[in-house]
């Protein structure tokens, strides 16, 4: 937990004068949103299977490990995007990331290993 907190503090967004610019149009349905969903689902299902089959953790622990790691990756990506010159961070992307994480875990937990 301390490591995750330290990692997030390192990406703490700084306030810039150009951060007050109008962000680009962020649609709810786009190819970018599909990529956020699909990549998050792939990462979370992979982490779940690794935790469950290789580390031999129970289903609940595998869920928490997979959800935590996958969500942290998505959150880190959005924090990185907020520091980018173009300022392309999006709360909609983060919502698609979380939906993909949950879908990936659901898919492998129902489908079995």
PDB file of N, CA and C in Angstrom:
ATOM      1  N   UNK A   1       0.822  -1.182   0.000  1.00  0.00           N
ATOM      2  CA  UNK A   1       0.000   0.000   0.000  1.00  0.00           C
ATOM      3  C   UNK A   1       0.869   1.249   0.000  1.00  0.00           C
ATOM      4  N   UNK A   2       1.938   1.215   0.811  1.00  0.00           N
ATOM      5  CA  UNK A   2       2.843   2.354   0.869  1.00  0.00           C
ATOM      6  C   UNK A   2       3.535   2.569  -0.465  1.00  0.00           C
ATOM      7  N   UNK A   3       3.891   1.468  -1.138  1.00  0.00           N
ATOM      8  CA  UNK A   3       4.523   1.563  -2.440  1.00  0.00           C
ATOM      9  C   UNK A   3       3.576   2.200  -3.457  1.00  0.00           C
ATOM     10  N   UNK A   4       2.311   1.789  -3.443  1.00  0.00           N
ATOM     11  CA  UNK A   4       1.324   2.366  -4.363  1.00  0.00           C
ATOM     12  C   UNK A   4       1.128   3.850  -4.079  1.00  0.00           C
ATOM     13  N   UNK A   5       1.073   4.230  -2.819  1.00  0.00           N
ATOM     14  CA  UNK A   5       0.908   5.632  -2.449  1.00  0.00           C
ATOM     15  C   UNK A   5       2.110   6.453  -2.918  1.00  0.00           C
ATOM     16  N   UNK A   6       3.309   5.922  -2.723  1.00  0.00           N
ATOM     17  CA  UNK A   6       4.518   6.616  -3.160  1.00  0.00           C
ATOM     18  C   UNK A   6       4.534   6.775  -4.673  1.00  0.00           C
ATOM     19  N   UNK A   7       4.073   5.741  -5.368  1.00  0.00           N
ATOM     20  CA  UNK A   7       4.015   5.781  -6.826  1.00  0.00           C
ATOM     21  C   UNK A   7       3.072   6.878  -7.308  1.00  0.00           C
ATOM     22  N   UNK A   8       1.907   6.974  -6.667  1.00  0.00           N
ATOM     23  CA  UNK A   8       0.940   7.993  -7.068  1.00  0.00           C
ATOM     24  C   UNK A   8       1.426   9.403  -6.754  1.00  0.00           C
ATOM     25  N   UNK A   9       2.104   9.579  -5.645  1.00  0.00           N
ATOM     26  CA  UNK A   9       2.609  10.904  -5.287  1.00  0.00           C
ATOM     27  C   UNK A   9       3.619  11.384  -6.327  1.00  0.00           C
ATOM     28  N   UNK A  10       4.382  10.456  -6.875  1.00  0.00           N
ATOM     29  CA  UNK A  10       5.360  10.818  -7.897  1.00  0.00           C
ATOM     30  C   UNK A  10       4.717  11.372  -9.151  1.00  0.00           C
ATOM     31  N   UNK A  11       3.453  11.013  -9.406  1.00  0.00           N
ATOM     32  CA  UNK A  11       2.748  11.496 -10.585  1.00  0.00           C
ATOM     33  C   UNK A  11       1.761  12.620 -10.271  1.00  0.00           C
ATOM     34  N   UNK A  12       1.831  13.176  -9.053  1.00  0.00           N
ATOM     35  CA  UNK A  12       0.885  14.211  -8.651  1.00  0.00           C
ATOM     36  C   UNK A  12       0.895  15.344  -9.668  1.00  0.00           C
ATOM     37  N   UNK A  13      -0.265  15.654 -10.257  1.00  0.00           N
ATOM     38  CA  UNK A  13      -0.285  16.673 -11.314  1.00  0.00           C
ATOM     39  C   UNK A  13       0.031  18.057 -10.772  1.00  0.00           C
ATOM     40  N   UNK A  14       0.870  18.751 -11.483  1.00  0.00           N
ATOM     41  CA  UNK A  14       1.206  20.115 -11.093  1.00  0.00           C
ATOM     42  C   UNK A  14       0.278  21.085 -11.818  1.00  0.00           C
ATOM     43  N   UNK A  15       0.027  22.220 -11.216  1.00  0.00           N
ATOM     44  CA  UNK A  15      -0.863  23.212 -11.818  1.00  0.00           C
ATOM     45  C   UNK A  15      -0.055  24.040 -12.803  1.00  0.00           C
ATOM     46  N   UNK A  16      -0.542  24.101 -14.023  1.00  0.00           N
ATOM     47  CA  UNK A  16       0.110  24.891 -15.063  1.00  0.00           C
ATOM     48  C   UNK A  16      -0.884  25.908 -15.578  1.00  0.00           C
ATOM     49  N   UNK A  17      -0.382  26.971 -16.132  1.00  0.00           N
ATOM     50  CA  UNK A  17      -1.270  28.003 -16.650  1.00  0.00           C
ATOM     51  C   UNK A  17      -2.048  27.494 -17.863  1.00  0.00           C
ATOM     52  N   UNK A  18      -1.434  26.597 -18.662  1.00  0.00           N
ATOM     53  CA  UNK A  18      -2.132  26.082 -19.832  1.00  0.00           C
ATOM     54  C   UNK A  18      -3.132  24.981 -19.487  1.00  0.00           C
ATOM     55  N   UNK A  19      -3.206  24.582 -18.209  1.00  0.00           N
ATOM     56  CA  UNK A  19      -4.158  23.548 -17.817  1.00  0.00           C
ATOM     57  C   UNK A  19      -5.584  24.096 -17.763  1.00  0.00           C
ATOM     58  N   UNK A  20      -5.737  25.388 -17.879  1.00  0.00           N
ATOM     59  CA  UNK A  20      -7.053  26.000 -17.871  1.00  0.00           C
ATOM     60  C   UNK A  20      -7.663  26.069 -19.269  1.00  0.00           C
ATOM     61  N   UNK A  21      -6.933  25.548 -20.251  1.00  0.00           N
ATOM     62  CA  UNK A  21      -7.438  25.549 -21.619  1.00  0.00           C
ATOM     63  C   UNK A  21      -8.625  24.599 -21.738  1.00  0.00           C
ATOM     64  N   UNK A  22      -9.466  24.824 -22.713  1.00  0.00           N
ATOM     65  CA  UNK A  22     -10.618  23.958 -22.944  1.00  0.00           C
ATOM     66  C   UNK A  22     -10.118  22.608 -23.455  1.00  0.00           C
ATOM     67  N   UNK A  23     -10.511  21.517 -22.777  1.00  0.00           N
ATOM     68  CA  UNK A  23     -10.039  20.198 -23.218  1.00  0.00           C
ATOM     69  C   UNK A  23     -10.655  19.813 -24.557  1.00  0.00           C
ATOM     70  N   UNK A  24     -10.000  18.901 -25.285  1.00  0.00           N
ATOM     71  CA  UNK A  24     -10.578  18.452 -26.553  1.00  0.00           C
ATOM     72  C   UNK A  24     -11.886  17.713 -26.299  1.00  0.00           C
ATOM     73  N   UNK A  25     -12.705  17.631 -27.337  1.00  0.00           N
ATOM     74  CA  UNK A  25     -14.000  16.965 -27.213  1.00  0.00           C
ATOM     75  C   UNK A  25     -13.785  15.498 -26.857  1.00  0.00           C
ATOM     76  N   UNK A  26     -14.432  15.073 -25.801  1.00  0.00           N
ATOM     77  CA  UNK A  26     -14.260  13.712 -25.290  1.00  0.00           C
ATOM     78  C   UNK A  26     -15.588  12.984 -25.394  1.00  0.00           C
ATOM     79  N   UNK A  27     -15.705  12.164 -26.419  1.00  0.00           N
ATOM     80  CA  UNK A  27     -16.938  11.415 -26.671  1.00  0.00           C
ATOM     81  C   UNK A  27     -17.030  10.197 -25.759  1.00  0.00           C
ATOM     82  N   UNK A  28     -18.259   9.774 -25.449  1.00  0.00           N
ATOM     83  CA  UNK A  28     -18.461   8.566 -24.647  1.00  0.00           C
ATOM     84  C   UNK A  28     -18.167   7.309 -25.446  1.00  0.00           C
ATOM     85  N   UNK A  29     -18.416   7.346 -26.749  1.00  0.00           N
ATOM     86  CA  UNK A  29     -18.193   6.174 -27.595  1.00  0.00           C
ATOM     87  C   UNK A  29     -17.192   6.531 -28.680  1.00  0.00           C
ATOM     88  N   UNK A  30     -16.029   5.903 -28.612  1.00  0.00           N
ATOM     89  CA  UNK A  30     -14.995   6.131 -29.613  1.00  0.00           C
ATOM     90  C   UNK A  30     -14.059   4.933 -29.631  1.00  0.00           C
ATOM     91  N   UNK A  31     -13.177   4.910 -30.600  1.00  0.00           N
ATOM     92  CA  UNK A  31     -12.215   3.816 -30.693  1.00  0.00           C
ATOM     93  C   UNK A  31     -11.284   3.824 -29.476  1.00  0.00           C
ATOM     94  N   UNK A  32     -10.949   5.019 -28.992  1.00  0.00           N
ATOM     95  CA  UNK A  32     -10.090   5.138 -27.809  1.00  0.00           C
ATOM     96  C   UNK A  32     -10.744   4.503 -26.587  1.00  0.00           C
ATOM     97  N   UNK A  33     -12.044   4.704 -26.425  1.00  0.00           N
ATOM     98  CA  UNK A  33     -12.752   4.111 -25.276  1.00  0.00           C
ATOM     99  C   UNK A  33     -12.760   2.593 -25.382  1.00  0.00           C
ATOM    100  N   UNK A  34     -12.917   2.075 -26.592  1.00  0.00           N
ATOM    101  CA  UNK A  34     -12.859   0.623 -26.798  1.00  0.00           C
ATOM    102  C   UNK A  34     -11.490   0.087 -26.389  1.00  0.00           C
ATOM    103  N   UNK A  35     -10.420   0.810 -26.759  1.00  0.00           N
ATOM    104  CA  UNK A  35      -9.073   0.375 -26.389  1.00  0.00           C
ATOM    105  C   UNK A  35      -8.882   0.377 -24.874  1.00  0.00           C
ATOM    106  N   UNK A  36      -9.387   1.396 -24.194  1.00  0.00           N
ATOM    107  CA  UNK A  36      -9.296   1.434 -22.733  1.00  0.00           C
ATOM    108  C   UNK A  36     -10.004   0.221 -22.126  1.00  0.00           C
ATOM    109  N   UNK A  37     -11.202  -0.072 -22.611  1.00  0.00           N
ATOM    110  CA  UNK A  37     -11.981  -1.199 -22.103  1.00  0.00           C
ATOM    111  C   UNK A  37     -11.273  -2.529 -22.376  1.00  0.00           C
ATOM    112  N   UNK A  38     -10.858  -2.738 -23.618  1.00  0.00           N
ATOM    113  CA  UNK A  38     -10.262  -4.017 -24.017  1.00  0.00           C
ATOM    114  C   UNK A  38      -8.920  -4.262 -23.326  1.00  0.00           C
ATOM    115  N   UNK A  39      -8.084  -3.240 -23.253  1.00  0.00           N
ATOM    116  CA  UNK A  39      -6.781  -3.426 -22.617  1.00  0.00           C
ATOM    117  C   UNK A  39      -6.922  -3.661 -21.113  1.00  0.00           C
ATOM    118  N   UNK A  40      -7.838  -2.965 -20.489  1.00  0.00           N
ATOM    119  CA  UNK A  40      -8.066  -3.177 -19.056  1.00  0.00           C
ATOM    120  C   UNK A  40      -8.601  -4.581 -18.793  1.00  0.00           C
ATOM    121  N   UNK A  41      -9.493  -5.053 -19.658  1.00  0.00           N
ATOM    122  CA  UNK A  41     -10.027  -6.410 -19.510  1.00  0.00           C
ATOM    123  C   UNK A  41      -8.920  -7.443 -19.691  1.00  0.00           C
ATOM    124  N   UNK A  42      -8.047  -7.223 -20.656  1.00  0.00           N
ATOM    125  CA  UNK A  42      -6.954  -8.166 -20.898  1.00  0.00           C
ATOM    126  C   UNK A  42      -5.974  -8.191 -19.721  1.00  0.00           C
ATOM    127  N   UNK A  43      -5.636  -7.022 -19.210  1.00  0.00           N
ATOM    128  CA  UNK A  43      -4.699  -6.956 -18.087  1.00  0.00           C
ATOM    129  C   UNK A  43      -5.304  -7.606 -16.842  1.00  0.00           C
ATOM    130  N   UNK A  44      -6.544  -7.243 -16.531  1.00  0.00           N
ATOM    131  CA  UNK A  44      -7.149  -7.765 -15.300  1.00  0.00           C
ATOM    132  C   UNK A  44      -7.374  -9.269 -15.374  1.00  0.00           C
ATOM    133  N   UNK A  45      -7.788  -9.779 -16.523  1.00  0.00           N
ATOM    134  CA  UNK A  45      -7.993 -11.227 -16.624  1.00  0.00           C
ATOM    135  C   UNK A  45      -6.666 -11.971 -16.535  1.00  0.00           C
ATOM    136  N   UNK A  46      -5.627 -11.406 -17.112  1.00  0.00           N
ATOM    137  CA  UNK A  46      -4.299 -12.029 -17.031  1.00  0.00           C
ATOM    138  C   UNK A  46      -3.790 -12.050 -15.595  1.00  0.00           C
ATOM    139  N   UNK A  47      -3.910 -10.934 -14.899  1.00  0.00           N
ATOM    140  CA  UNK A  47      -3.447 -10.858 -13.512  1.00  0.00           C
ATOM    141  C   UNK A  47      -4.262 -11.809 -12.640  1.00  0.00           C
ATOM    142  N   UNK A  48      -5.579 -11.879 -12.882  1.00  0.00           N
ATOM    143  CA  UNK A  48      -6.433 -12.790 -12.109  1.00  0.00           C
ATOM    144  C   UNK A  48      -5.970 -14.236 -12.289  1.00  0.00           C
ATOM    145  N   UNK A  49      -5.729 -14.634 -13.536  1.00  0.00           N
ATOM    146  CA  UNK A  49      -5.317 -16.010 -13.801  1.00  0.00           C
ATOM    147  C   UNK A  49      -3.949 -16.314 -13.202  1.00  0.00           C
ATOM    148  N   UNK A  50      -3.040 -15.352 -13.265  1.00  0.00           N
ATOM    149  CA  UNK A  50      -1.716 -15.547 -12.661  1.00  0.00           C
ATOM    150  C   UNK A  50      -1.854 -15.702 -11.152  1.00  0.00           C
ATOM    151  N   UNK A  51      -2.625 -14.823 -10.541  1.00  0.00           N
ATOM    152  CA  UNK A  51      -2.797 -14.900  -9.084  1.00  0.00           C
ATOM    153  C   UNK A  51      -3.501 -16.184  -8.676  1.00  0.00           C
ATOM    154  N   UNK A  52      -4.491 -16.585  -9.447  1.00  0.00           N
ATOM    155  CA  UNK A  52      -5.288 -17.754  -9.077  1.00  0.00           C
ATOM    156  C   UNK A  52      -4.585 -19.071  -9.366  1.00  0.00           C
ATOM    157  N   UNK A  53      -3.934 -19.176 -10.511  1.00  0.00           N
ATOM    158  CA  UNK A  53      -3.347 -20.457 -10.919  1.00  0.00           C
ATOM    159  C   UNK A  53      -1.880 -20.617 -10.556  1.00  0.00           C
ATOM    160  N   UNK A  54      -1.110 -19.584 -10.692  1.00  0.00           N
ATOM    161  CA  UNK A  54       0.329 -19.710 -10.421  1.00  0.00           C
ATOM    162  C   UNK A  54       0.622 -19.445  -8.949  1.00  0.00           C
ATOM    163  N   UNK A  55       0.036 -18.353  -8.399  1.00  0.00           N
ATOM    164  CA  UNK A  55       0.277 -18.031  -6.992  1.00  0.00           C
ATOM    165  C   UNK A  55      -0.625 -18.848  -6.069  1.00  0.00           C
ATOM    166  N   UNK A  56      -1.618 -19.538  -6.637  1.00  0.00           N
ATOM    167  CA  UNK A  56      -2.528 -20.392  -5.870  1.00  0.00           C
ATOM    168  C   UNK A  56      -3.291 -19.644  -4.777  1.00  0.00           C
ATOM    169  N   UNK A  57      -3.767 -18.438  -5.108  1.00  0.00           N
ATOM    170  CA  UNK A  57      -4.595 -17.700  -4.157  1.00  0.00           C
ATOM    171  C   UNK A  57      -6.054 -18.071  -4.385  1.00  0.00           C
ATOM    172  N   UNK A  58      -6.882 -17.834  -3.385  1.00  0.00           N
ATOM    173  CA  UNK A  58      -8.314 -18.128  -3.542  1.00  0.00           C
ATOM    174  C   UNK A  58      -8.949 -17.069  -4.446  1.00  0.00           C
ATOM    175  N   UNK A  59     -10.205 -17.301  -4.811  1.00  0.00           N
ATOM    176  CA  UNK A  59     -10.894 -16.420  -5.759  1.00  0.00           C
ATOM    177  C   UNK A  59     -11.009 -14.985  -5.256  1.00  0.00           C
ATOM    178  N   UNK A  60     -11.349 -14.795  -3.979  1.00  0.00           N
ATOM    179  CA  UNK A  60     -11.481 -13.435  -3.446  1.00  0.00           C
ATOM    180  C   UNK A  60     -10.158 -12.685  -3.479  1.00  0.00           C
ATOM    181  N   UNK A  61      -9.091 -13.331  -3.077  1.00  0.00           N
ATOM    182  CA  UNK A  61      -7.781 -12.692  -3.088  1.00  0.00           C
ATOM    183  C   UNK A  61      -7.347 -12.385  -4.513  1.00  0.00           C
ATOM    184  N   UNK A  62      -7.608 -13.301  -5.431  1.00  0.00           N
ATOM    185  CA  UNK A  62      -7.279 -13.078  -6.845  1.00  0.00           C
ATOM    186  C   UNK A  62      -8.033 -11.865  -7.381  1.00  0.00           C
ATOM    187  N   UNK A  63      -9.308 -11.725  -6.979  1.00  0.00           N
ATOM    188  CA  UNK A  63     -10.095 -10.572  -7.399  1.00  0.00           C
ATOM    189  C   UNK A  63      -9.458  -9.279  -6.911  1.00  0.00           C
ATOM    190  N   UNK A  64      -9.126  -9.226  -5.625  1.00  0.00           N
ATOM    191  CA  UNK A  64      -8.560  -7.995  -5.063  1.00  0.00           C
ATOM    192  C   UNK A  64      -7.208  -7.653  -5.684  1.00  0.00           C
ATOM    193  N   UNK A  65      -6.384  -8.653  -5.903  1.00  0.00           N
ATOM    194  CA  UNK A  65      -5.078  -8.414  -6.526  1.00  0.00           C
ATOM    195  C   UNK A  65      -5.259  -7.895  -7.946  1.00  0.00           C
ATOM    196  N   UNK A  66      -6.104  -8.574  -8.706  1.00  0.00           N
ATOM    197  CA  UNK A  66      -6.335  -8.181 -10.098  1.00  0.00           C
ATOM    198  C   UNK A  66      -6.960  -6.794 -10.201  1.00  0.00           C
ATOM    199  N   UNK A  67      -7.970  -6.542  -9.375  1.00  0.00           N
ATOM    200  CA  UNK A  67      -8.634  -5.243  -9.418  1.00  0.00           C
ATOM    201  C   UNK A  67      -7.662  -4.128  -9.040  1.00  0.00           C
ATOM    202  N   UNK A  68      -6.878  -4.344  -8.003  1.00  0.00           N
ATOM    203  CA  UNK A  68      -5.946  -3.319  -7.530  1.00  0.00           C
ATOM    204  C   UNK A  68      -4.875  -2.997  -8.558  1.00  0.00           C
ATOM    205  N   UNK A  69      -4.226  -4.017  -9.073  1.00  0.00           N
ATOM    206  CA  UNK A  69      -3.134  -3.791 -10.031  1.00  0.00           C
ATOM    207  C   UNK A  69      -3.659  -3.171 -11.318  1.00  0.00           C
ATOM    208  N   UNK A  70      -4.745  -3.711 -11.853  1.00  0.00           N
ATOM    209  CA  UNK A  70      -5.286  -3.211 -13.120  1.00  0.00           C
ATOM    210  C   UNK A  70      -5.809  -1.785 -12.991  1.00  0.00           C
ATOM    211  N   UNK A  71      -6.475  -1.487 -11.886  1.00  0.00           N
ATOM    212  CA  UNK A  71      -6.988  -0.131 -11.674  1.00  0.00           C
ATOM    213  C   UNK A  71      -5.849   0.859 -11.493  1.00  0.00           C
ATOM    214  N   UNK A  72      -4.806   0.442 -10.811  1.00  0.00           N
ATOM    215  CA  UNK A  72      -3.643   1.302 -10.608  1.00  0.00           C
ATOM    216  C   UNK A  72      -2.963   1.619 -11.933  1.00  0.00           C
ATOM    217  N   UNK A  73      -2.912   0.647 -12.829  1.00  0.00           N
ATOM    218  CA  UNK A  73      -2.337   0.890 -14.151  1.00  0.00           C
ATOM    219  C   UNK A  73      -3.169   1.916 -14.914  1.00  0.00           C
ATOM    220  N   UNK A  74      -4.500   1.762 -14.902  1.00  0.00           N
ATOM    221  CA  UNK A  74      -5.373   2.722 -15.580  1.00  0.00           C
ATOM    222  C   UNK A  74      -5.281   4.109 -14.982  1.00  0.00           C
ATOM    223  N   UNK A  75      -5.263   4.192 -13.665  1.00  0.00           N
ATOM    224  CA  UNK A  75      -5.151   5.479 -12.980  1.00  0.00           C
ATOM    225  C   UNK A  75      -3.803   6.139 -13.276  1.00  0.00           C
ATOM    226  N   UNK A  76      -2.751   5.352 -13.286  1.00  0.00           N
ATOM    227  CA  UNK A  76      -1.421   5.889 -13.597  1.00  0.00           C
ATOM    228  C   UNK A  76      -1.376   6.450 -15.014  1.00  0.00           C
ATOM    229  N   UNK A  77      -2.031   5.768 -15.938  1.00  0.00           N
ATOM    230  CA  UNK A  77      -2.073   6.239 -17.323  1.00  0.00           C
ATOM    231  C   UNK A  77      -2.785   7.578 -17.411  1.00  0.00           C
ATOM    232  N   UNK A  78      -3.885   7.726 -16.700  1.00  0.00           N
ATOM    233  CA  UNK A  78      -4.619   8.996 -16.737  1.00  0.00           C
ATOM    234  C   UNK A  78      -3.836  10.114 -16.052  1.00  0.00           C
ATOM    235  N   UNK A  79      -3.126   9.799 -14.997  1.00  0.00           N
ATOM    236  CA  UNK A  79      -2.290  10.811 -14.335  1.00  0.00           C
ATOM    237  C   UNK A  79      -1.170  11.234 -15.269  1.00  0.00           C
ATOM    238  N   UNK A  80      -0.569  10.265 -15.968  1.00  0.00           N
ATOM    239  CA  UNK A  80       0.469  10.580 -16.938  1.00  0.00           C
ATOM    240  C   UNK A  80      -0.095  11.467 -18.049  1.00  0.00           C
ATOM    241  N   UNK A  81      -1.295  11.136 -18.523  1.00  0.00           N
ATOM    242  CA  UNK A  81      -1.923  11.943 -19.570  1.00  0.00           C
ATOM    243  C   UNK A  81      -2.196  13.366 -19.093  1.00  0.00           C
ATOM    244  N   UNK A  82      -2.506  13.525 -17.812  1.00  0.00           N
ATOM    245  CA  UNK A  82      -2.785  14.873 -17.307  1.00  0.00           C
ATOM    246  C   UNK A  82      -1.529  15.738 -17.283  1.00  0.00           C
ATOM    247  N   UNK A  83      -0.363  15.091 -17.202  1.00  0.00           N
ATOM    248  CA  UNK A  83       0.896  15.835 -17.209  1.00  0.00           C
ATOM    249  C   UNK A  83       1.415  16.050 -18.622  1.00  0.00           C
ATOM    250  N   UNK A  84       0.775  15.424 -19.586  1.00  0.00           N
ATOM    251  CA  UNK A  84       1.193  15.527 -20.978  1.00  0.00           C
ATOM    252  C   UNK A  84       0.974  16.949 -21.484  1.00  0.00           C
ATOM    253  N   UNK A  85       1.736  17.322 -22.473  1.00  0.00           N
ATOM    254  CA  UNK A  85       1.626  18.669 -23.056  1.00  0.00           C
ATOM    255  C   UNK A  85       0.203  18.943 -23.563  1.00  0.00           C
ATOM    256  N   UNK A  86      -0.437  17.941 -24.124  1.00  0.00           N
ATOM    257  CA  UNK A  86      -1.776  18.127 -24.685  1.00  0.00           C
ATOM    258  C   UNK A  86      -2.861  18.071 -23.620  1.00  0.00           C
ATOM    259  N   UNK A  87      -2.562  17.553 -22.443  1.00  0.00           N
ATOM    260  CA  UNK A  87      -3.544  17.483 -21.369  1.00  0.00           C
ATOM    261  C   UNK A  87      -4.752  16.657 -21.731  1.00  0.00           C
ATOM    262  N   UNK A  88      -4.533  15.394 -22.093  1.00  0.00           N
ATOM    263  CA  UNK A  88      -5.618  14.559 -22.604  1.00  0.00           C
ATOM    264  C   UNK A  88      -6.199  13.601 -21.571  1.00  0.00           C
ATOM    265  N   UNK A  89      -6.038  13.863 -20.291  1.00  0.00           N
ATOM    266  CA  UNK A  89      -6.625  12.993 -19.272  1.00  0.00           C
ATOM    267  C   UNK A  89      -8.145  13.079 -19.342  1.00  0.00           C
ATOM    268  N   UNK A  90      -8.792  11.958 -19.049  1.00  0.00           N
ATOM    269  CA  UNK A  90     -10.246  11.915 -19.175  1.00  0.00           C
ATOM    270  C   UNK A  90     -10.849  11.025 -18.099  1.00  0.00           C
ATOM    271  N   UNK A  91     -11.864  11.548 -17.444  1.00  0.00           N
ATOM    272  CA  UNK A  91     -12.573  10.719 -16.460  1.00  0.00           C
ATOM    273  C   UNK A  91     -13.376   9.630 -17.171  1.00  0.00           C
ATOM    274  N   UNK A  92     -13.783   9.879 -18.394  1.00  0.00           N
ATOM    275  CA  UNK A  92     -14.508   8.863 -19.160  1.00  0.00           C
ATOM    276  C   UNK A  92     -13.593   7.681 -19.473  1.00  0.00           C
ATOM    277  N   UNK A  93     -12.323   7.967 -19.765  1.00  0.00           N
ATOM    278  CA  UNK A  93     -11.359   6.883 -19.988  1.00  0.00           C
ATOM    279  C   UNK A  93     -11.224   6.032 -18.738  1.00  0.00           C
ATOM    280  N   UNK A  94     -11.179   6.683 -17.594  1.00  0.00           N
ATOM    281  CA  UNK A  94     -11.044   5.963 -16.331  1.00  0.00           C
ATOM    282  C   UNK A  94     -12.271   5.087 -16.055  1.00  0.00           C
ATOM    283  N   UNK A  95     -13.447   5.571 -16.408  1.00  0.00           N
ATOM    284  CA  UNK A  95     -14.667   4.773 -16.252  1.00  0.00           C
ATOM    285  C   UNK A  95     -14.602   3.530 -17.140  1.00  0.00           C
ATOM    286  N   UNK A  96     -14.135   3.699 -18.375  1.00  0.00           N
ATOM    287  CA  UNK A  96     -13.986   2.547 -19.267  1.00  0.00           C
ATOM    288  C   UNK A  96     -12.910   1.594 -18.762  1.00  0.00           C
ATOM    289  N   UNK A  97     -11.853   2.139 -18.160  1.00  0.00           N
ATOM    290  CA  UNK A  97     -10.824   1.282 -17.566  1.00  0.00           C
ATOM    291  C   UNK A  97     -11.419   0.396 -16.472  1.00  0.00           C
ATOM    292  N   UNK A  98     -12.174   0.987 -15.568  1.00  0.00           N
ATOM    293  CA  UNK A  98     -12.768   0.228 -14.455  1.00  0.00           C
ATOM    294  C   UNK A  98     -13.773  -0.799 -14.988  1.00  0.00           C
ATOM    295  N   UNK A  99     -14.574  -0.397 -15.976  1.00  0.00           N
ATOM    296  CA  UNK A  99     -15.537  -1.343 -16.564  1.00  0.00           C
ATOM    297  C   UNK A  99     -14.803  -2.517 -17.207  1.00  0.00           C
ATOM    298  N   UNK A 100     -13.704  -2.248 -17.884  1.00  0.00           N
ATOM    299  CA  UNK A 100     -12.911  -3.315 -18.495  1.00  0.00           C
ATOM    300  C   UNK A 100     -12.287  -4.228 -17.460  1.00  0.00           C
ATOM    301  N   UNK A 101     -11.809  -3.644 -16.367  1.00  0.00           N
ATOM    302  CA  UNK A 101     -11.230  -4.430 -15.278  1.00  0.00           C
ATOM    303  C   UNK A 101     -12.271  -5.402 -14.728  1.00  0.00           C
ATOM    304  N   UNK A 102     -13.451  -4.892 -14.428  1.00  0.00           N
ATOM    305  CA  UNK A 102     -14.511  -5.742 -13.872  1.00  0.00           C
ATOM    306  C   UNK A 102     -14.957  -6.806 -14.868  1.00  0.00           C
ATOM    307  N   UNK A 103     -15.050  -6.433 -16.139  1.00  0.00           N
ATOM    308  CA  UNK A 103     -15.459  -7.392 -17.161  1.00  0.00           C
ATOM    309  C   UNK A 103     -14.417  -8.500 -17.312  1.00  0.00           C
ATOM    310  N   UNK A 104     -13.140  -8.137 -17.321  1.00  0.00           N
ATOM    311  CA  UNK A 104     -12.077  -9.133 -17.453  1.00  0.00           C
ATOM    312  C   UNK A 104     -12.072 -10.123 -16.297  1.00  0.00           C
ATOM    313  N   UNK A 105     -12.259  -9.608 -15.089  1.00  0.00           N
ATOM    314  CA  UNK A 105     -12.297 -10.488 -13.920  1.00  0.00           C
ATOM    315  C   UNK A 105     -13.532 -11.385 -13.982  1.00  0.00           C
ATOM    316  N   UNK A 106     -14.672 -10.801 -14.324  1.00  0.00           N
ATOM    317  CA  UNK A 106     -15.913 -11.574 -14.423  1.00  0.00           C
ATOM    318  C   UNK A 106     -15.778 -12.676 -15.476  1.00  0.00           C
ATOM    319  N   UNK A 107     -15.171 -12.342 -16.584  1.00  0.00           N
ATOM    320  CA  UNK A 107     -15.023 -13.298 -17.678  1.00  0.00           C
ATOM    321  C   UNK A 107     -14.222 -14.525 -17.248  1.00  0.00           C
ATOM    322  N   UNK A 108     -13.096 -14.327 -16.606  1.00  0.00           N
ATOM    323  CA  UNK A 108     -12.276 -15.486 -16.228  1.00  0.00           C
ATOM    324  C   UNK A 108     -12.801 -16.187 -14.987  1.00  0.00           C
ATOM    325  N   UNK A 109     -13.467 -15.452 -14.095  1.00  0.00           N
ATOM    326  CA  UNK A 109     -13.976 -16.114 -12.899  1.00  0.00           C
ATOM    327  C   UNK A 109     -15.194 -16.987 -13.214  1.00  0.00           C
ATOM    328  N   UNK A 110     -15.991 -16.573 -14.178  1.00  0.00           N
ATOM    329  CA  UNK A 110     -17.142 -17.391 -14.606  1.00  0.00           C
ATOM    330  C   UNK A 110     -16.685 -18.504 -15.536  1.00  0.00           C
ATOM    331  N   UNK A 111     -15.789 -18.155 -16.461  1.00  0.00           N
ATOM    332  CA  UNK A 111     -15.349 -19.126 -17.457  1.00  0.00           C
ATOM    333  C   UNK A 111     -14.413 -20.184 -16.924  1.00  0.00           C
ATOM    334  N   UNK A 112     -13.887 -19.964 -15.761  1.00  0.00           N
ATOM    335  CA  UNK A 112     -12.944 -20.916 -15.208  1.00  0.00           C
ATOM    336  C   UNK A 112     -11.550 -20.679 -15.740  1.00  0.00           C
ATOM    337  N   UNK A 113     -10.621 -21.461 -15.278  1.00  0.00           N
ATOM    338  CA  UNK A 113      -9.241 -21.262 -15.691  1.00  0.00           C
ATOM    339  C   UNK A 113      -8.794 -22.356 -16.538  1.00  0.00           C
TER     340      UNK A 113
END
